[in-house]
Amino acid sequence: MAAPFATLAQLAARHPAELTLLAADETTGLRDDARVDAALRDASVEARSILQARYTPADLASVDEGSAEILAVYTMDIALYRVALSFSRSSDRLREGYENAVKRLEAIASGKGALTIGGGTTTPVPADTDEAGDIGPNGVVIDVPERIFSRATFGARR
């Protein structure tokens, strides 16, 4: 299983008060880190499932530092909403953050944004082709006949 895009430490540093309130165990009142970790893993799986429309798993595993930070922010927004749901403490603000994160990830997946992959490339190999340029199972092939009419075949008339 791939590593989550965000960690409990990152989430606690970015949203300390919210995390303490949202993830307090119903019986002890202490933060339930196991449920928060599960929400972070689930949020990362959700983000990967959206981004795999454009990026391969290898690409997502080798994003540069800036792209990793972007993915962490979106993953934390998704995870906070999931934590709130698991503790029945959801709010419109958390739902809105979740929906915005999903929309941003979908925009990246559709080409309206990009992640930078380890070597500095922002144009990944499409998921339906391999590195050699062969057409994959979802590839589109356009086969057209050779051009019949051109200036050369008609001669340059004036």
Protein backbone atom coordinates (compact mmCIF):
# COMPACT_ATOMS: atom_id res chain seq x y z
CA MET A 1 0.00 0.00 0.00
CA ALA A 2 1.29 3.44 -0.93
CA ALA A 3 2.18 5.95 1.75
CA PRO A 4 -0.49 8.53 2.62
CA PHE A 5 -0.08 11.99 1.10
CA ALA A 6 -0.36 13.55 4.60
CA THR A 7 0.64 12.40 8.08
CA LEU A 8 -0.93 12.77 11.48
CA ALA A 9 1.91 15.12 12.47
CA GLN A 10 1.18 17.39 9.48
CA LEU A 11 -2.53 17.41 10.23
CA ALA A 12 -1.94 18.13 13.92
CA ALA A 13 0.45 20.97 13.05
CA ARG A 14 -1.91 22.54 10.51
CA HIS A 15 -5.22 22.09 12.39
CA PRO A 16 -4.39 21.45 16.08
CA ALA A 17 -7.60 22.75 17.66
CA GLU A 18 -9.93 21.27 15.05
CA LEU A 19 -8.25 17.89 15.23
CA THR A 20 -8.50 17.80 19.02
CA LEU A 21 -12.19 18.68 18.92
CA LEU A 22 -13.16 16.51 15.96
CA ALA A 23 -11.20 13.39 16.87
CA ALA A 24 -11.92 13.19 20.61
CA ASP A 25 -12.93 9.66 21.56
CA GLU A 26 -16.54 9.44 22.74
CA THR A 27 -15.66 7.68 25.99
CA THR A 28 -12.22 8.95 27.01
CA GLY A 29 -12.22 12.41 25.42
CA LEU A 30 -8.69 11.79 24.13
CA ARG A 31 -7.78 12.14 20.47
CA ASP A 32 -8.22 8.81 18.66
CA ASP A 33 -5.09 8.75 16.52
CA ALA A 34 -5.91 5.35 15.00
CA ARG A 35 -9.12 6.71 13.47
CA VAL A 36 -7.31 9.83 12.28
CA ASP A 37 -4.61 7.70 10.61
CA ALA A 38 -7.33 5.61 8.96
CA ALA A 39 -9.00 8.80 7.68
CA LEU A 40 -5.66 10.02 6.27
CA ARG A 41 -5.11 6.69 4.47
CA ASP A 42 -8.67 6.76 3.11
CA ALA A 43 -8.27 10.38 2.00
CA SER A 44 -5.03 9.47 0.19
CA VAL A 45 -6.76 6.56 -1.54
CA GLU A 46 -9.55 8.91 -2.65
CA ALA A 47 -7.04 11.47 -3.96
CA ARG A 48 -5.11 8.76 -5.83
CA SER A 49 -8.28 7.41 -7.40
CA ILE A 50 -9.06 10.87 -8.78
CA LEU A 51 -5.51 11.60 -9.95
CA GLN A 52 -5.01 8.23 -11.64
CA ALA A 53 -7.12 9.51 -14.49
CA ARG A 54 -3.94 11.34 -15.51
CA TYR A 55 -1.01 10.05 -13.43
CA THR A 56 0.36 6.55 -12.96
CA PRO A 57 0.97 5.20 -9.45
CA ALA A 58 4.71 5.57 -10.09
CA ASP A 59 4.22 9.24 -10.98
CA LEU A 60 2.25 9.87 -7.80
CA ALA A 61 4.94 8.14 -5.74
CA SER A 62 7.63 10.43 -7.15
CA VAL A 63 6.11 13.91 -7.06
CA ASP A 64 8.47 16.74 -6.10
CA GLU A 65 8.32 18.61 -2.78
CA GLY A 66 5.97 21.35 -3.99
CA SER A 67 3.48 18.91 -5.45
CA ALA A 68 3.69 16.76 -2.32
CA GLU A 69 2.74 19.82 -0.24
CA ILE A 70 -0.27 20.49 -2.48
CA LEU A 71 -1.38 16.88 -2.19
CA ALA A 72 -0.94 17.02 1.59
CA VAL A 73 -3.17 20.10 1.88
CA TYR A 74 -5.95 18.56 -0.19
CA THR A 75 -5.61 15.23 1.61
CA MET A 76 -5.84 16.94 5.01
CA ASP A 77 -9.06 18.71 3.96
CA ILE A 78 -10.54 15.39 2.87
CA ALA A 79 -9.29 13.64 6.02
CA LEU A 80 -10.74 16.28 8.36
CA TYR A 81 -14.14 15.78 6.80
CA ARG A 82 -13.79 12.00 7.10
CA VAL A 83 -12.74 12.31 10.76
CA ALA A 84 -15.72 14.54 11.46
CA LEU A 85 -18.05 12.05 9.79
CA SER A 86 -16.63 9.11 11.72
CA PHE A 87 -17.25 10.95 15.00
CA SER A 88 -20.63 12.41 13.86
CA ARG A 89 -19.25 15.94 14.15
CA SER A 90 -19.55 17.18 10.59
CA SER A 91 -20.21 20.78 9.64
CA ASP A 92 -20.97 22.70 6.46
CA ARG A 93 -17.50 24.29 6.58
CA LEU A 94 -15.78 20.89 6.66
CA ARG A 95 -18.03 19.56 3.89
CA GLU A 96 -17.21 22.61 1.79
CA GLY A 97 -13.48 22.08 2.37
CA TYR A 98 -13.86 18.47 1.31
CA GLU A 99 -15.80 19.37 -1.84
CA ASN A 100 -13.27 22.07 -2.78
CA ALA A 101 -10.36 19.66 -2.34
CA VAL A 102 -12.06 17.06 -4.54
CA LYS A 103 -12.80 19.70 -7.21
CA ARG A 104 -9.16 20.84 -7.21
CA LEU A 105 -7.92 17.27 -7.55
CA GLU A 106 -10.38 16.66 -10.38
CA ALA A 107 -9.11 19.83 -12.08
CA ILE A 108 -5.53 18.56 -11.85
CA ALA A 109 -6.63 15.18 -13.21
CA SER A 110 -8.39 16.86 -16.15
CA GLY A 111 -5.33 18.94 -17.09
CA LYS A 112 -6.36 22.30 -15.62
CA GLY A 113 -3.37 22.02 -13.30
CA ALA A 114 -0.37 19.75 -12.95
CA LEU A 115 1.86 17.98 -10.51
CA THR A 116 5.61 18.03 -10.97
CA ILE A 117 7.08 14.58 -11.06
CA GLY A 118 10.53 13.95 -9.46
CA GLY A 119 12.64 14.79 -12.52
CA GLY A 120 10.94 18.14 -13.02
CA THR A 121 8.45 17.12 -15.69
CA THR A 122 4.94 18.52 -15.53
CA THR A 123 3.63 16.58 -18.51
CA PRO A 124 3.19 12.96 -17.47
CA VAL A 125 2.90 10.07 -19.88
CA PRO A 126 -0.86 9.58 -20.34
CA ALA A 127 -2.23 6.62 -18.42
CA ASP A 128 -3.40 4.90 -21.63
CA THR A 129 0.08 4.69 -23.21
CA ASP A 130 3.37 3.23 -22.12
CA GLU A 131 6.80 4.84 -22.21
CA ALA A 132 7.60 3.46 -25.69
CA GLY A 133 4.64 5.25 -27.25
CA ASP A 134 2.58 2.12 -27.90
CA ILE A 135 -1.12 2.64 -27.70
CA GLY A 136 -2.71 1.16 -24.62
CA PRO A 137 -6.17 -0.37 -24.23
CA ASN A 138 -7.88 3.01 -23.87
CA GLY A 139 -5.85 4.78 -26.55
CA VAL A 140 -7.41 6.56 -29.49
CA VAL A 141 -6.17 5.78 -32.96
CA ILE A 142 -6.94 8.11 -35.83
CA ASP A 143 -6.48 6.51 -39.22
CA VAL A 144 -7.14 8.80 -42.17
CA PRO A 145 -6.42 8.39 -45.87
CA GLU A 146 -3.60 10.30 -47.45
CA ARG A 147 -4.46 13.80 -48.66
CA ILE A 148 -5.86 13.72 -52.19
CA PHE A 149 -6.23 17.37 -53.08
CA SER A 150 -3.45 19.84 -52.54
CA ARG A 151 -1.85 22.73 -54.39
CA ALA A 152 0.65 20.36 -55.91
CA THR A 153 -1.94 17.98 -57.37
CA PHE A 154 -4.07 20.82 -58.81
CA GLY A 155 -1.15 22.91 -59.87
CA ALA A 156 -0.82 26.47 -58.75
CA ARG A 157 -3.58 28.27 -60.70
CA ARG A 158 -3.95 31.96 -60.65
